[in-house]
């Protein structure tokens, strides 16, 4: 009877050991899958971070270009306004005597 009890306990321990070994293998496989998934996700995160960084750099460059171009346009408009003012003054000075002559001749 004692021998049978020991044999039963041994079988139960072996069955439990087999079950635990199988569970360990399942967990190792799951861990391996998670490692692969983690690596894949890490690569995606790196790629997205590079993309965001590139877009931020591009946006900053565009904003700088827009600011510089705006300054150039403002400067050019100011120059053109000054030229138009000068032309207006010249036009009045040169044509005013002729206009008086035409008016007086009527």
C-alpha atoms as a PDB file:
ATOM      1  CA  UNK A   1       0.000   0.000   0.000  1.00  0.00           C
ATOM      2  CA  UNK A   2       2.804   2.375   0.868  1.00  0.00           C
ATOM      3  CA  UNK A   3       4.524   1.489  -2.373  1.00  0.00           C
ATOM      4  CA  UNK A   4       1.354   2.162  -4.353  1.00  0.00           C
ATOM      5  CA  UNK A   5       0.914   5.529  -2.631  1.00  0.00           C
ATOM      6  CA  UNK A   6       4.503   6.461  -3.433  1.00  0.00           C
ATOM      7  CA  UNK A   7       4.051   5.346  -7.043  1.00  0.00           C
ATOM      8  CA  UNK A   8       0.843   7.399  -7.296  1.00  0.00           C
ATOM      9  CA  UNK A   9       2.555  10.450  -5.843  1.00  0.00           C
ATOM     10  CA  UNK A  10       5.459   9.948  -8.242  1.00  0.00           C
ATOM     11  CA  UNK A  11       3.082   9.707 -11.241  1.00  0.00           C
ATOM     12  CA  UNK A  12       1.216  12.802 -10.085  1.00  0.00           C
ATOM     13  CA  UNK A  13       4.512  14.681  -9.686  1.00  0.00           C
ATOM     14  CA  UNK A  14       5.655  13.551 -13.149  1.00  0.00           C
ATOM     15  CA  UNK A  15       2.334  14.588 -14.696  1.00  0.00           C
ATOM     16  CA  UNK A  16       2.562  17.931 -12.973  1.00  0.00           C
ATOM     17  CA  UNK A  17       6.163  18.279 -14.160  1.00  0.00           C
ATOM     18  CA  UNK A  18       5.112  17.517 -17.753  1.00  0.00           C
ATOM     19  CA  UNK A  19       2.286  20.060 -17.493  1.00  0.00           C
ATOM     20  CA  UNK A  20       4.615  22.689 -16.087  1.00  0.00           C
ATOM     21  CA  UNK A  21       7.200  21.954 -18.793  1.00  0.00           C
ATOM     22  CA  UNK A  22       4.536  22.401 -21.477  1.00  0.00           C
ATOM     23  CA  UNK A  23       3.365  25.630 -19.885  1.00  0.00           C
ATOM     24  CA  UNK A  24       6.987  26.823 -19.728  1.00  0.00           C
ATOM     25  CA  UNK A  25       7.446  26.078 -23.450  1.00  0.00           C
ATOM     26  CA  UNK A  26       4.214  27.960 -24.273  1.00  0.00           C
ATOM     27  CA  UNK A  27       5.403  30.914 -22.217  1.00  0.00           C
ATOM     28  CA  UNK A  28       8.820  30.858 -23.925  1.00  0.00           C
ATOM     29  CA  UNK A  29       7.134  30.829 -27.349  1.00  0.00           C
ATOM     30  CA  UNK A  30       4.851  33.676 -26.290  1.00  0.00           C
ATOM     31  CA  UNK A  31       7.845  35.598 -24.924  1.00  0.00           C
ATOM     32  CA  UNK A  32       9.688  35.094 -28.207  1.00  0.00           C
ATOM     33  CA  UNK A  33       6.669  36.383 -30.149  1.00  0.00           C
ATOM     34  CA  UNK A  34       6.456  39.383 -27.847  1.00  0.00           C
ATOM     35  CA  UNK A  35      10.152  40.118 -28.381  1.00  0.00           C
ATOM     36  CA  UNK A  36       9.655  40.055 -32.162  1.00  0.00           C
ATOM     37  CA  UNK A  37       6.570  42.250 -31.825  1.00  0.00           C
ATOM     38  CA  UNK A  38       8.471  44.643 -29.558  1.00  0.00           C
ATOM     39  CA  UNK A  39      11.334  44.887 -32.052  1.00  0.00           C
ATOM     40  CA  UNK A  40       8.903  45.556 -34.898  1.00  0.00           C
ATOM     41  CA  UNK A  41       7.083  48.228 -32.902  1.00  0.00           C
ATOM     42  CA  UNK A  42      10.381  49.809 -31.854  1.00  0.00           C
ATOM     43  CA  UNK A  43      11.398  50.077 -35.504  1.00  0.00           C
ATOM     44  CA  UNK A  44       8.041  51.663 -36.344  1.00  0.00           C
ATOM     45  CA  UNK A  45       8.460  54.150 -33.495  1.00  0.00           C
ATOM     46  CA  UNK A  46      11.962  55.044 -34.726  1.00  0.00           C
ATOM     47  CA  UNK A  47      10.674  55.529 -38.275  1.00  0.00           C
ATOM     48  CA  UNK A  48       7.801  57.717 -37.073  1.00  0.00           C
ATOM     49  CA  UNK A  49      10.132  59.778 -34.886  1.00  0.00           C
ATOM     50  CA  UNK A  50      12.435  60.344 -37.862  1.00  0.00           C
ATOM     51  CA  UNK A  51       9.462  61.302 -40.021  1.00  0.00           C
ATOM     52  CA  UNK A  52       8.186  63.767 -37.415  1.00  0.00           C
ATOM     53  CA  UNK A  53      11.666  65.200 -36.975  1.00  0.00           C
ATOM     54  CA  UNK A  54      12.016  65.596 -40.741  1.00  0.00           C
ATOM     55  CA  UNK A  55       8.621  67.263 -40.998  1.00  0.00           C
ATOM     56  CA  UNK A  56       9.478  69.645 -38.161  1.00  0.00           C
ATOM     57  CA  UNK A  57      12.745  70.532 -39.891  1.00  0.00           C
ATOM     58  CA  UNK A  58      10.921  71.070 -43.179  1.00  0.00           C
ATOM     59  CA  UNK A  59       8.273  73.205 -41.471  1.00  0.00           C
ATOM     60  CA  UNK A  60      10.945  75.328 -39.780  1.00  0.00           C
ATOM     61  CA  UNK A  61      12.751  75.797 -43.107  1.00  0.00           C
ATOM     62  CA  UNK A  62       9.487  76.763 -44.810  1.00  0.00           C
ATOM     63  CA  UNK A  63       8.621  79.256 -42.057  1.00  0.00           C
ATOM     64  CA  UNK A  64      12.106  80.782 -42.376  1.00  0.00           C
ATOM     65  CA  UNK A  65      11.741  81.001 -46.173  1.00  0.00           C
ATOM     66  CA  UNK A  66       8.279  82.542 -45.809  1.00  0.00           C
ATOM     67  CA  UNK A  67       9.597  85.120 -43.329  1.00  0.00           C
ATOM     68  CA  UNK A  68      12.558  86.029 -45.550  1.00  0.00           C
ATOM     69  CA  UNK A  69      10.417  86.160 -48.677  1.00  0.00           C
ATOM     70  CA  UNK A  70       7.879  88.345 -46.854  1.00  0.00           C
ATOM     71  CA  UNK A  71      10.635  90.774 -45.878  1.00  0.00           C
ATOM     72  CA  UNK A  72      11.880  90.891 -49.470  1.00  0.00           C
ATOM     73  CA  UNK A  73       8.362  91.558 -50.775  1.00  0.00           C
ATOM     74  CA  UNK A  74       7.827  94.304 -48.192  1.00  0.00           C
ATOM     75  CA  UNK A  75      11.143  95.902 -49.119  1.00  0.00           C
ATOM     76  CA  UNK A  76      10.399  95.703 -52.841  1.00  0.00           C
ATOM     77  CA  UNK A  77       6.924  97.208 -52.313  1.00  0.00           C
ATOM     78  CA  UNK A  78       8.444 100.068 -50.324  1.00  0.00           C
ATOM     79  CA  UNK A  79      10.956 100.684 -53.136  1.00  0.00           C
ATOM     80  CA  UNK A  80       8.185 100.658 -55.739  1.00  0.00           C
ATOM     81  CA  UNK A  81       6.066 103.042 -53.644  1.00  0.00           C
ATOM     82  CA  UNK A  82       9.022 105.414 -53.404  1.00  0.00           C
ATOM     83  CA  UNK A  83       9.549 105.210 -57.183  1.00  0.00           C
ATOM     84  CA  UNK A  84       5.853 105.897 -57.828  1.00  0.00           C
ATOM     85  CA  UNK A  85       5.938 108.880 -55.486  1.00  0.00           C
ATOM     86  CA  UNK A  86       9.011 110.221 -57.301  1.00  0.00           C
ATOM     87  CA  UNK A  87       7.345 109.682 -60.701  1.00  0.00           C
ATOM     88  CA  UNK A  88       4.229 111.454 -59.507  1.00  0.00           C
ATOM     89  CA  UNK A  89       6.274 114.447 -58.358  1.00  0.00           C
ATOM     90  CA  UNK A  90       8.277 114.501 -61.627  1.00  0.00           C
ATOM     91  CA  UNK A  91       5.100 114.175 -63.654  1.00  0.00           C
ATOM     92  CA  UNK A  92       3.516 117.130 -61.842  1.00  0.00           C
ATOM     93  CA  UNK A  93       6.672 119.255 -62.160  1.00  0.00           C
ATOM     94  CA  UNK A  94       7.213 118.523 -65.867  1.00  0.00           C
ATOM     95  CA  UNK A  95       3.619 118.640 -67.064  1.00  0.00           C
ATOM     96  CA  UNK A  96       2.275 121.437 -64.868  1.00  0.00           C
ATOM     97  CA  UNK A  97       3.605 124.250 -67.106  1.00  0.00           C
ATOM     98  CA  UNK A  98       2.131 122.563 -70.198  1.00  0.00           C
ATOM     99  CA  UNK A  99      -1.174 122.106 -68.449  1.00  0.00           C
ATOM    100  CA  UNK A 100      -1.223 125.822 -67.568  1.00  0.00           C
ATOM    101  CA  UNK A 101      -0.451 126.698 -71.179  1.00  0.00           C
ATOM    102  CA  UNK A 102      -3.250 124.484 -72.439  1.00  0.00           C
ATOM    103  CA  UNK A 103      -5.675 125.909 -69.900  1.00  0.00           C
ATOM    104  CA  UNK A 104      -4.612 129.494 -70.636  1.00  0.00           C
ATOM    105  CA  UNK A 105      -4.874 128.840 -74.373  1.00  0.00           C
ATOM    106  CA  UNK A 106      -8.550 127.974 -74.137  1.00  0.00           C
END
